[in-house]
């Protein structure tokens, strides 16, 4: 088998968020219609005590060959950051959400890095960077 990322499931994404202390909601939406170009697999939202929220959506684009495994594989997800119920960037100095409010094609390791950055972020940093004109 080639060097592929570890597949993510609704349950594994929920576990990453819950372990980081987030309140988590999720829903799956698999369909049997393989002709849909942007087929929805699952979405998970995690709200952190600091008021930030991550919205993670898995849309299936990749199919493996039959001899590799069966069914669909969610190796990457799209992650959006919400602050005060609106999409947001992270303050300057972070590896993620710089100049954009969504990261696309994130693998499991990247998701864990994003969760670690967001869960410990002090919301006052947003206000500080707004005052200095950096955000």
C-alpha atoms as a PDB file:
ATOM      1  CA  UNK A   1       0.000   0.000   0.000  1.00  0.00           C
ATOM      2  CA  UNK A   2       1.245   3.505  -0.727  1.00  0.00           C
ATOM      3  CA  UNK A   3       2.085   6.066   1.939  1.00  0.00           C
ATOM      4  CA  UNK A   4      -1.408   7.393   2.636  1.00  0.00           C
ATOM      5  CA  UNK A   5      -2.750   9.451   5.495  1.00  0.00           C
ATOM      6  CA  UNK A   6      -4.754   7.797   8.224  1.00  0.00           C
ATOM      7  CA  UNK A   7      -8.463   7.931   7.352  1.00  0.00           C
ATOM      8  CA  UNK A   8     -10.582  10.111   9.609  1.00  0.00           C
ATOM      9  CA  UNK A   9     -14.101   9.254  10.706  1.00  0.00           C
ATOM     10  CA  UNK A  10     -16.833  11.220  12.406  1.00  0.00           C
ATOM     11  CA  UNK A  11     -15.948   9.411  15.633  1.00  0.00           C
ATOM     12  CA  UNK A  12     -12.184  10.011  15.392  1.00  0.00           C
ATOM     13  CA  UNK A  13     -12.668  13.750  14.758  1.00  0.00           C
ATOM     14  CA  UNK A  14     -15.125  13.988  17.668  1.00  0.00           C
ATOM     15  CA  UNK A  15     -12.577  12.251  19.910  1.00  0.00           C
ATOM     16  CA  UNK A  16      -9.816  14.725  18.955  1.00  0.00           C
ATOM     17  CA  UNK A  17     -12.059  17.658  19.877  1.00  0.00           C
ATOM     18  CA  UNK A  18     -13.445  16.105  23.070  1.00  0.00           C
ATOM     19  CA  UNK A  19      -9.954  15.233  24.281  1.00  0.00           C
ATOM     20  CA  UNK A  20      -9.060  18.929  23.847  1.00  0.00           C
ATOM     21  CA  UNK A  21     -11.993  19.942  26.050  1.00  0.00           C
ATOM     22  CA  UNK A  22     -14.512  21.036  23.406  1.00  0.00           C
ATOM     23  CA  UNK A  23     -18.260  20.472  23.512  1.00  0.00           C
ATOM     24  CA  UNK A  24     -18.948  18.523  20.332  1.00  0.00           C
ATOM     25  CA  UNK A  25     -21.860  18.086  17.940  1.00  0.00           C
ATOM     26  CA  UNK A  26     -21.756  16.016  14.780  1.00  0.00           C
ATOM     27  CA  UNK A  27     -23.814  14.536  11.992  1.00  0.00           C
ATOM     28  CA  UNK A  28     -23.157  12.132   9.177  1.00  0.00           C
ATOM     29  CA  UNK A  29     -24.590  12.421   5.718  1.00  0.00           C
ATOM     30  CA  UNK A  30     -23.407   9.570   3.572  1.00  0.00           C
ATOM     31  CA  UNK A  31     -25.352   8.888   0.424  1.00  0.00           C
ATOM     32  CA  UNK A  32     -25.201   6.104  -2.103  1.00  0.00           C
ATOM     33  CA  UNK A  33     -25.125   8.557  -4.979  1.00  0.00           C
ATOM     34  CA  UNK A  34     -21.568   8.260  -6.261  1.00  0.00           C
ATOM     35  CA  UNK A  35     -22.083  10.790  -9.052  1.00  0.00           C
ATOM     36  CA  UNK A  36     -22.284  13.779  -6.667  1.00  0.00           C
ATOM     37  CA  UNK A  37     -19.165  15.923  -7.249  1.00  0.00           C
ATOM     38  CA  UNK A  38     -19.012  17.250  -3.653  1.00  0.00           C
ATOM     39  CA  UNK A  39     -20.535  14.502  -1.627  1.00  0.00           C
ATOM     40  CA  UNK A  40     -20.982  15.204   2.082  1.00  0.00           C
ATOM     41  CA  UNK A  41     -19.667  12.543   4.477  1.00  0.00           C
ATOM     42  CA  UNK A  42     -19.798  14.144   7.928  1.00  0.00           C
ATOM     43  CA  UNK A  43     -19.429  17.387   9.816  1.00  0.00           C
ATOM     44  CA  UNK A  44     -18.309  18.017  13.377  1.00  0.00           C
ATOM     45  CA  UNK A  45     -18.455  21.237  15.377  1.00  0.00           C
ATOM     46  CA  UNK A  46     -16.431  21.759  18.515  1.00  0.00           C
ATOM     47  CA  UNK A  47     -16.963  24.714  20.872  1.00  0.00           C
ATOM     48  CA  UNK A  48     -14.086  25.524  23.202  1.00  0.00           C
ATOM     49  CA  UNK A  49     -14.347  27.209  26.623  1.00  0.00           C
ATOM     50  CA  UNK A  50     -12.553  30.288  25.204  1.00  0.00           C
ATOM     51  CA  UNK A  51     -15.509  30.972  22.885  1.00  0.00           C
ATOM     52  CA  UNK A  52     -13.859  29.776  19.664  1.00  0.00           C
ATOM     53  CA  UNK A  53     -15.427  27.072  17.519  1.00  0.00           C
ATOM     54  CA  UNK A  54     -14.077  24.768  14.832  1.00  0.00           C
ATOM     55  CA  UNK A  55     -16.381  23.533  12.071  1.00  0.00           C
ATOM     56  CA  UNK A  56     -14.912  20.456  10.384  1.00  0.00           C
ATOM     57  CA  UNK A  57     -16.424  19.064   7.182  1.00  0.00           C
ATOM     58  CA  UNK A  58     -15.392  15.902   5.382  1.00  0.00           C
ATOM     59  CA  UNK A  59     -16.324  15.802   1.728  1.00  0.00           C
ATOM     60  CA  UNK A  60     -15.337  12.691  -0.109  1.00  0.00           C
ATOM     61  CA  UNK A  61     -13.396  13.102  -3.311  1.00  0.00           C
ATOM     62  CA  UNK A  62     -11.069  10.084  -3.201  1.00  0.00           C
ATOM     63  CA  UNK A  63     -11.874   6.479  -3.934  1.00  0.00           C
ATOM     64  CA  UNK A  64      -9.278   3.812  -3.497  1.00  0.00           C
ATOM     65  CA  UNK A  65      -8.828   0.973  -5.881  1.00  0.00           C
ATOM     66  CA  UNK A  66     -10.745  -2.181  -4.892  1.00  0.00           C
ATOM     67  CA  UNK A  67      -7.632  -4.130  -3.963  1.00  0.00           C
ATOM     68  CA  UNK A  68      -6.529  -1.419  -1.473  1.00  0.00           C
ATOM     69  CA  UNK A  69      -9.652  -1.117   0.634  1.00  0.00           C
ATOM     70  CA  UNK A  70     -13.399  -0.841   0.323  1.00  0.00           C
ATOM     71  CA  UNK A  71     -15.587   2.209   0.280  1.00  0.00           C
ATOM     72  CA  UNK A  72     -14.707   5.822   0.669  1.00  0.00           C
ATOM     73  CA  UNK A  73     -11.757   7.264   2.525  1.00  0.00           C
ATOM     74  CA  UNK A  74     -11.726  10.597   4.349  1.00  0.00           C
ATOM     75  CA  UNK A  75      -8.032  11.372   4.513  1.00  0.00           C
ATOM     76  CA  UNK A  76      -8.461  15.142   4.587  1.00  0.00           C
ATOM     77  CA  UNK A  77     -11.074  17.533   5.943  1.00  0.00           C
ATOM     78  CA  UNK A  78     -11.923  21.214   5.627  1.00  0.00           C
ATOM     79  CA  UNK A  79     -11.703  23.241   8.844  1.00  0.00           C
ATOM     80  CA  UNK A  80     -13.308  26.641   9.489  1.00  0.00           C
ATOM     81  CA  UNK A  81     -12.693  28.827  12.532  1.00  0.00           C
ATOM     82  CA  UNK A  82     -15.600  30.711  14.089  1.00  0.00           C
ATOM     83  CA  UNK A  83     -15.392  33.511  16.641  1.00  0.00           C
ATOM     84  CA  UNK A  84     -18.563  35.224  17.885  1.00  0.00           C
ATOM     85  CA  UNK A  85     -20.546  33.004  15.492  1.00  0.00           C
ATOM     86  CA  UNK A  86     -18.789  34.421  12.416  1.00  0.00           C
ATOM     87  CA  UNK A  87     -15.888  33.081  10.384  1.00  0.00           C
ATOM     88  CA  UNK A  88     -12.540  34.362  11.568  1.00  0.00           C
ATOM     89  CA  UNK A  89      -8.800  34.246  11.055  1.00  0.00           C
ATOM     90  CA  UNK A  90      -6.370  33.446  13.850  1.00  0.00           C
ATOM     91  CA  UNK A  91      -4.211  36.263  15.212  1.00  0.00           C
ATOM     92  CA  UNK A  92      -0.831  36.703  13.536  1.00  0.00           C
ATOM     93  CA  UNK A  93       1.891  34.278  14.590  1.00  0.00           C
ATOM     94  CA  UNK A  94       0.019  31.016  14.063  1.00  0.00           C
ATOM     95  CA  UNK A  95       0.641  28.444  11.344  1.00  0.00           C
ATOM     96  CA  UNK A  96      -3.061  28.250  10.439  1.00  0.00           C
ATOM     97  CA  UNK A  97      -5.866  30.609   9.389  1.00  0.00           C
ATOM     98  CA  UNK A  98      -3.560  33.406   8.298  1.00  0.00           C
ATOM     99  CA  UNK A  99      -5.397  35.638   5.821  1.00  0.00           C
ATOM    100  CA  UNK A 100      -8.249  33.142   5.520  1.00  0.00           C
ATOM    101  CA  UNK A 101     -11.009  31.679   7.669  1.00  0.00           C
ATOM    102  CA  UNK A 102     -10.880  28.127   6.300  1.00  0.00           C
ATOM    103  CA  UNK A 103      -8.155  25.537   5.875  1.00  0.00           C
ATOM    104  CA  UNK A 104      -8.846  22.944   3.194  1.00  0.00           C
ATOM    105  CA  UNK A 105      -7.284  19.536   2.716  1.00  0.00           C
ATOM    106  CA  UNK A 106      -6.140  19.134   6.330  1.00  0.00           C
ATOM    107  CA  UNK A 107      -4.891  15.687   7.382  1.00  0.00           C
ATOM    108  CA  UNK A 108      -5.226  14.237  10.899  1.00  0.00           C
ATOM    109  CA  UNK A 109      -1.895  15.586  12.130  1.00  0.00           C
ATOM    110  CA  UNK A 110      -2.763  19.060  10.856  1.00  0.00           C
ATOM    111  CA  UNK A 111      -6.164  18.869  12.527  1.00  0.00           C
ATOM    112  CA  UNK A 112      -4.523  18.043  15.853  1.00  0.00           C
ATOM    113  CA  UNK A 113      -2.179  21.053  15.445  1.00  0.00           C
ATOM    114  CA  UNK A 114      -5.131  23.355  14.695  1.00  0.00           C
ATOM    115  CA  UNK A 115      -7.093  22.058  17.700  1.00  0.00           C
ATOM    116  CA  UNK A 116      -4.057  22.585  19.969  1.00  0.00           C
ATOM    117  CA  UNK A 117      -3.659  26.181  18.720  1.00  0.00           C
ATOM    118  CA  UNK A 118      -7.329  27.076  19.089  1.00  0.00           C
ATOM    119  CA  UNK A 119      -8.044  25.447  22.454  1.00  0.00           C
ATOM    120  CA  UNK A 120      -5.355  27.419  24.314  1.00  0.00           C
ATOM    121  CA  UNK A 121      -5.857  30.763  22.570  1.00  0.00           C
ATOM    122  CA  UNK A 122      -6.710  33.691  24.821  1.00  0.00           C
ATOM    123  CA  UNK A 123      -9.556  35.621  23.105  1.00  0.00           C
ATOM    124  CA  UNK A 124      -8.029  38.902  24.345  1.00  0.00           C
ATOM    125  CA  UNK A 125      -5.315  38.391  21.720  1.00  0.00           C
ATOM    126  CA  UNK A 126      -7.918  39.153  19.019  1.00  0.00           C
ATOM    127  CA  UNK A 127      -8.783  42.481  20.687  1.00  0.00           C
ATOM    128  CA  UNK A 128      -5.118  43.366  21.129  1.00  0.00           C
ATOM    129  CA  UNK A 129      -4.328  42.730  17.460  1.00  0.00           C
ATOM    130  CA  UNK A 130      -7.452  44.621  16.386  1.00  0.00           C
ATOM    131  CA  UNK A 131      -6.255  47.627  18.420  1.00  0.00           C
ATOM    132  CA  UNK A 132      -2.757  47.471  16.934  1.00  0.00           C
ATOM    133  CA  UNK A 133      -4.120  47.027  13.415  1.00  0.00           C
ATOM    134  CA  UNK A 134      -2.584  43.580  12.934  1.00  0.00           C
ATOM    135  CA  UNK A 135      -5.913  41.785  12.557  1.00  0.00           C
END
